[in-house]
Amino acid sequence: MPFDVDGFTQIGTLMLLAGGPVPQLDTVMLDSLHAGTFMDAEAQLRLYRRVMHSVQSAALGLVESRDFIHRLAQHV
């Protein structure tokens, strides 16, 4: 995720969206210092699917990510 992309300041925890061909079995896992939380209610899944879609839409592609990391490494 590039540093200059707005809207992701609240995302500070590990989120795993596990999904497959049967959407009713999809589960979100949030991990924190205290414990992991598993959620599978449809309303929760809709929220985290939107979050995941936003992150994927803003994320760099493979080549752009590699180039971004190389540019960062040159400034260290």
N, C-alpha and C. Protein backbone atom coordinates (compact mmCIF):
# COMPACT_ATOMS: atom_id res chain seq x y z
N MET A 1 0.85 -1.17 0.00
CA MET A 1 0.00 0.00 0.00
C MET A 1 0.90 1.24 0.00
N PRO A 2 0.78 2.10 -0.98
CA PRO A 2 1.59 3.32 -1.00
C PRO A 2 1.27 4.21 0.19
N PHE A 3 2.26 4.96 0.64
CA PHE A 3 2.09 5.82 1.81
C PHE A 3 1.12 6.96 1.56
N ASP A 4 0.97 7.39 0.32
CA ASP A 4 0.16 8.56 0.03
C ASP A 4 -1.30 8.24 -0.27
N VAL A 5 -1.74 7.01 -0.05
CA VAL A 5 -3.13 6.64 -0.27
C VAL A 5 -3.92 6.97 0.99
N ASP A 6 -4.96 7.77 0.83
CA ASP A 6 -5.79 8.15 1.96
C ASP A 6 -6.82 7.08 2.28
N GLY A 7 -7.30 7.10 3.52
CA GLY A 7 -8.42 6.25 3.90
C GLY A 7 -8.07 4.98 4.64
N PHE A 8 -6.80 4.73 4.89
CA PHE A 8 -6.43 3.48 5.54
C PHE A 8 -5.75 3.69 6.89
N THR A 9 -5.93 4.85 7.49
CA THR A 9 -5.27 5.12 8.77
C THR A 9 -5.83 4.28 9.91
N GLN A 10 -7.06 3.81 9.80
CA GLN A 10 -7.67 3.02 10.86
C GLN A 10 -7.33 1.54 10.77
N ILE A 11 -6.73 1.12 9.67
CA ILE A 11 -6.42 -0.29 9.51
C ILE A 11 -5.07 -0.55 10.17
N GLY A 12 -5.11 -1.16 11.34
CA GLY A 12 -3.88 -1.42 12.07
C GLY A 12 -3.85 -2.80 12.67
N THR A 13 -4.72 -3.64 12.23
CA THR A 13 -4.77 -4.99 12.77
C THR A 13 -4.76 -5.99 11.61
N LEU A 14 -4.30 -7.17 11.87
CA LEU A 14 -4.28 -8.21 10.85
C LEU A 14 -5.69 -8.68 10.58
N MET A 15 -6.06 -8.72 9.31
CA MET A 15 -7.38 -9.20 8.92
C MET A 15 -7.19 -10.29 7.87
N LEU A 16 -7.84 -11.41 8.10
CA LEU A 16 -7.81 -12.51 7.14
C LEU A 16 -9.25 -12.81 6.76
N LEU A 17 -9.55 -12.70 5.48
CA LEU A 17 -10.87 -13.05 4.97
C LEU A 17 -10.74 -14.38 4.25
N ALA A 18 -11.26 -15.44 4.87
CA ALA A 18 -11.20 -16.78 4.28
C ALA A 18 -12.53 -17.04 3.60
N GLY A 19 -12.47 -17.24 2.29
CA GLY A 19 -13.69 -17.48 1.55
C GLY A 19 -13.50 -18.57 0.52
N GLY A 20 -14.61 -19.04 0.01
CA GLY A 20 -14.55 -20.10 -0.97
C GLY A 20 -15.82 -20.17 -1.77
N PRO A 21 -16.05 -21.32 -2.40
CA PRO A 21 -17.21 -21.45 -3.29
C PRO A 21 -18.55 -21.42 -2.55
N VAL A 22 -18.56 -21.62 -1.23
CA VAL A 22 -19.79 -21.58 -0.45
C VAL A 22 -19.71 -20.35 0.46
N PRO A 23 -20.27 -19.20 0.03
CA PRO A 23 -20.12 -17.95 0.79
C PRO A 23 -20.62 -18.04 2.23
N GLN A 24 -21.55 -18.93 2.53
CA GLN A 24 -22.06 -19.06 3.89
C GLN A 24 -20.99 -19.59 4.86
N LEU A 25 -19.92 -20.14 4.33
CA LEU A 25 -18.84 -20.66 5.17
C LEU A 25 -17.69 -19.65 5.32
N ASP A 26 -17.79 -18.50 4.64
CA ASP A 26 -16.74 -17.47 4.74
C ASP A 26 -16.59 -17.03 6.19
N THR A 27 -15.37 -16.69 6.56
CA THR A 27 -15.06 -16.26 7.93
C THR A 27 -14.00 -15.17 7.87
N VAL A 28 -14.12 -14.20 8.77
CA VAL A 28 -13.11 -13.17 8.93
C VAL A 28 -12.42 -13.41 10.26
N MET A 29 -11.09 -13.34 10.25
CA MET A 29 -10.33 -13.43 11.48
C MET A 29 -9.60 -12.10 11.68
N LEU A 30 -9.79 -11.50 12.83
CA LEU A 30 -9.05 -10.31 13.22
C LEU A 30 -8.10 -10.71 14.32
N ASP A 31 -6.85 -10.32 14.20
CA ASP A 31 -5.83 -10.69 15.18
C ASP A 31 -5.36 -9.43 15.88
N SER A 32 -5.21 -9.51 17.18
CA SER A 32 -4.71 -8.38 17.95
C SER A 32 -3.73 -8.90 19.00
N LEU A 33 -3.21 -7.99 19.80
CA LEU A 33 -2.28 -8.40 20.85
C LEU A 33 -2.94 -9.28 21.89
N HIS A 34 -4.24 -9.12 22.06
CA HIS A 34 -4.94 -9.84 23.13
C HIS A 34 -5.45 -11.20 22.71
N ALA A 35 -5.98 -11.28 21.50
CA ALA A 35 -6.55 -12.55 21.04
C ALA A 35 -7.01 -12.41 19.60
N GLY A 36 -7.36 -13.52 19.02
CA GLY A 36 -7.95 -13.51 17.69
C GLY A 36 -9.46 -13.56 17.80
N THR A 37 -10.13 -12.96 16.85
CA THR A 37 -11.59 -12.96 16.82
C THR A 37 -12.04 -13.51 15.47
N PHE A 38 -12.97 -14.43 15.50
CA PHE A 38 -13.52 -14.99 14.28
C PHE A 38 -14.96 -14.50 14.12
N MET A 39 -15.29 -14.05 12.91
CA MET A 39 -16.64 -13.54 12.65
C MET A 39 -17.18 -14.20 11.39
N ASP A 40 -18.45 -14.59 11.46
CA ASP A 40 -19.05 -15.22 10.28
C ASP A 40 -20.48 -14.76 10.01
N ALA A 41 -20.95 -13.77 10.75
CA ALA A 41 -22.30 -13.23 10.50
C ALA A 41 -22.29 -12.48 9.17
N GLU A 42 -23.37 -12.56 8.42
CA GLU A 42 -23.42 -11.96 7.09
C GLU A 42 -23.16 -10.46 7.12
N ALA A 43 -23.69 -9.75 8.11
CA ALA A 43 -23.46 -8.30 8.20
C ALA A 43 -21.97 -7.99 8.40
N GLN A 44 -21.31 -8.77 9.23
CA GLN A 44 -19.87 -8.59 9.45
C GLN A 44 -19.10 -8.91 8.18
N LEU A 45 -19.47 -9.99 7.51
CA LEU A 45 -18.78 -10.37 6.28
C LEU A 45 -18.94 -9.30 5.21
N ARG A 46 -20.12 -8.70 5.08
CA ARG A 46 -20.32 -7.63 4.10
C ARG A 46 -19.37 -6.47 4.38
N LEU A 47 -19.26 -6.08 5.65
CA LEU A 47 -18.36 -4.98 6.02
C LEU A 47 -16.92 -5.31 5.65
N TYR A 48 -16.43 -6.47 6.02
CA TYR A 48 -15.04 -6.81 5.77
C TYR A 48 -14.76 -7.13 4.31
N ARG A 49 -15.76 -7.58 3.58
CA ARG A 49 -15.59 -7.73 2.13
C ARG A 49 -15.39 -6.36 1.49
N ARG A 50 -16.14 -5.34 1.96
CA ARG A 50 -15.97 -3.98 1.44
C ARG A 50 -14.58 -3.45 1.79
N VAL A 51 -14.13 -3.68 3.02
CA VAL A 51 -12.79 -3.25 3.43
C VAL A 51 -11.74 -3.91 2.55
N MET A 52 -11.86 -5.22 2.35
CA MET A 52 -10.89 -5.95 1.53
C MET A 52 -10.90 -5.43 0.09
N HIS A 53 -12.08 -5.16 -0.44
CA HIS A 53 -12.17 -4.63 -1.80
C HIS A 53 -11.49 -3.26 -1.89
N SER A 54 -11.67 -2.41 -0.88
CA SER A 54 -11.03 -1.09 -0.87
C SER A 54 -9.51 -1.22 -0.84
N VAL A 55 -9.02 -2.11 -0.01
CA VAL A 55 -7.57 -2.32 0.09
C VAL A 55 -7.02 -2.86 -1.23
N GLN A 56 -7.69 -3.84 -1.81
CA GLN A 56 -7.23 -4.41 -3.07
C GLN A 56 -7.26 -3.39 -4.20
N SER A 57 -8.26 -2.52 -4.18
CA SER A 57 -8.36 -1.49 -5.23
C SER A 57 -7.24 -0.47 -5.13
N ALA A 58 -6.80 -0.17 -3.91
CA ALA A 58 -5.77 0.84 -3.72
C ALA A 58 -4.35 0.28 -3.76
N ALA A 59 -4.21 -1.03 -3.59
CA ALA A 59 -2.88 -1.63 -3.53
C ALA A 59 -2.18 -1.58 -4.89
N LEU A 60 -0.87 -1.54 -4.83
CA LEU A 60 -0.06 -1.57 -6.04
C LEU A 60 -0.03 -2.97 -6.62
N GLY A 61 0.21 -3.06 -7.92
CA GLY A 61 0.37 -4.35 -8.57
C GLY A 61 1.75 -4.93 -8.25
N LEU A 62 2.01 -6.11 -8.76
CA LEU A 62 3.27 -6.80 -8.49
C LEU A 62 4.49 -5.98 -8.92
N VAL A 63 4.51 -5.52 -10.14
CA VAL A 63 5.66 -4.76 -10.65
C VAL A 63 5.78 -3.43 -9.92
N GLU A 64 4.64 -2.75 -9.72
CA GLU A 64 4.68 -1.46 -9.02
C GLU A 64 5.14 -1.63 -7.57
N SER A 65 4.74 -2.70 -6.93
CA SER A 65 5.18 -2.97 -5.55
C SER A 65 6.68 -3.19 -5.49
N ARG A 66 7.20 -3.99 -6.42
CA ARG A 66 8.64 -4.25 -6.46
C ARG A 66 9.41 -2.95 -6.67
N ASP A 67 8.96 -2.14 -7.63
CA ASP A 67 9.64 -0.86 -7.89
C ASP A 67 9.58 0.07 -6.68
N PHE A 68 8.44 0.10 -6.02
CA PHE A 68 8.26 0.93 -4.83
C PHE A 68 9.23 0.51 -3.73
N ILE A 69 9.36 -0.79 -3.50
CA ILE A 69 10.28 -1.30 -2.47
C ILE A 69 11.73 -0.98 -2.84
N HIS A 70 12.10 -1.10 -4.10
CA HIS A 70 13.46 -0.77 -4.53
C HIS A 70 13.75 0.71 -4.30
N ARG A 71 12.78 1.58 -4.61
CA ARG A 71 12.98 3.03 -4.38
C ARG A 71 13.15 3.32 -2.89
N LEU A 72 12.36 2.66 -2.05
CA LEU A 72 12.48 2.86 -0.59
C LEU A 72 13.85 2.40 -0.10
N ALA A 73 14.29 1.26 -0.60
CA ALA A 73 15.58 0.70 -0.15
C ALA A 73 16.74 1.61 -0.52
N GLN A 74 16.64 2.34 -1.59
CA GLN A 74 17.71 3.26 -2.00
C GLN A 74 17.81 4.46 -1.07
N HIS A 75 16.75 4.79 -0.34
CA HIS A 75 16.73 5.95 0.54
C HIS A 75 17.07 5.60 1.99
N VAL A 76 17.30 4.35 2.27
CA VAL A 76 17.60 3.93 3.65
C VAL A 76 19.06 4.08 3.94
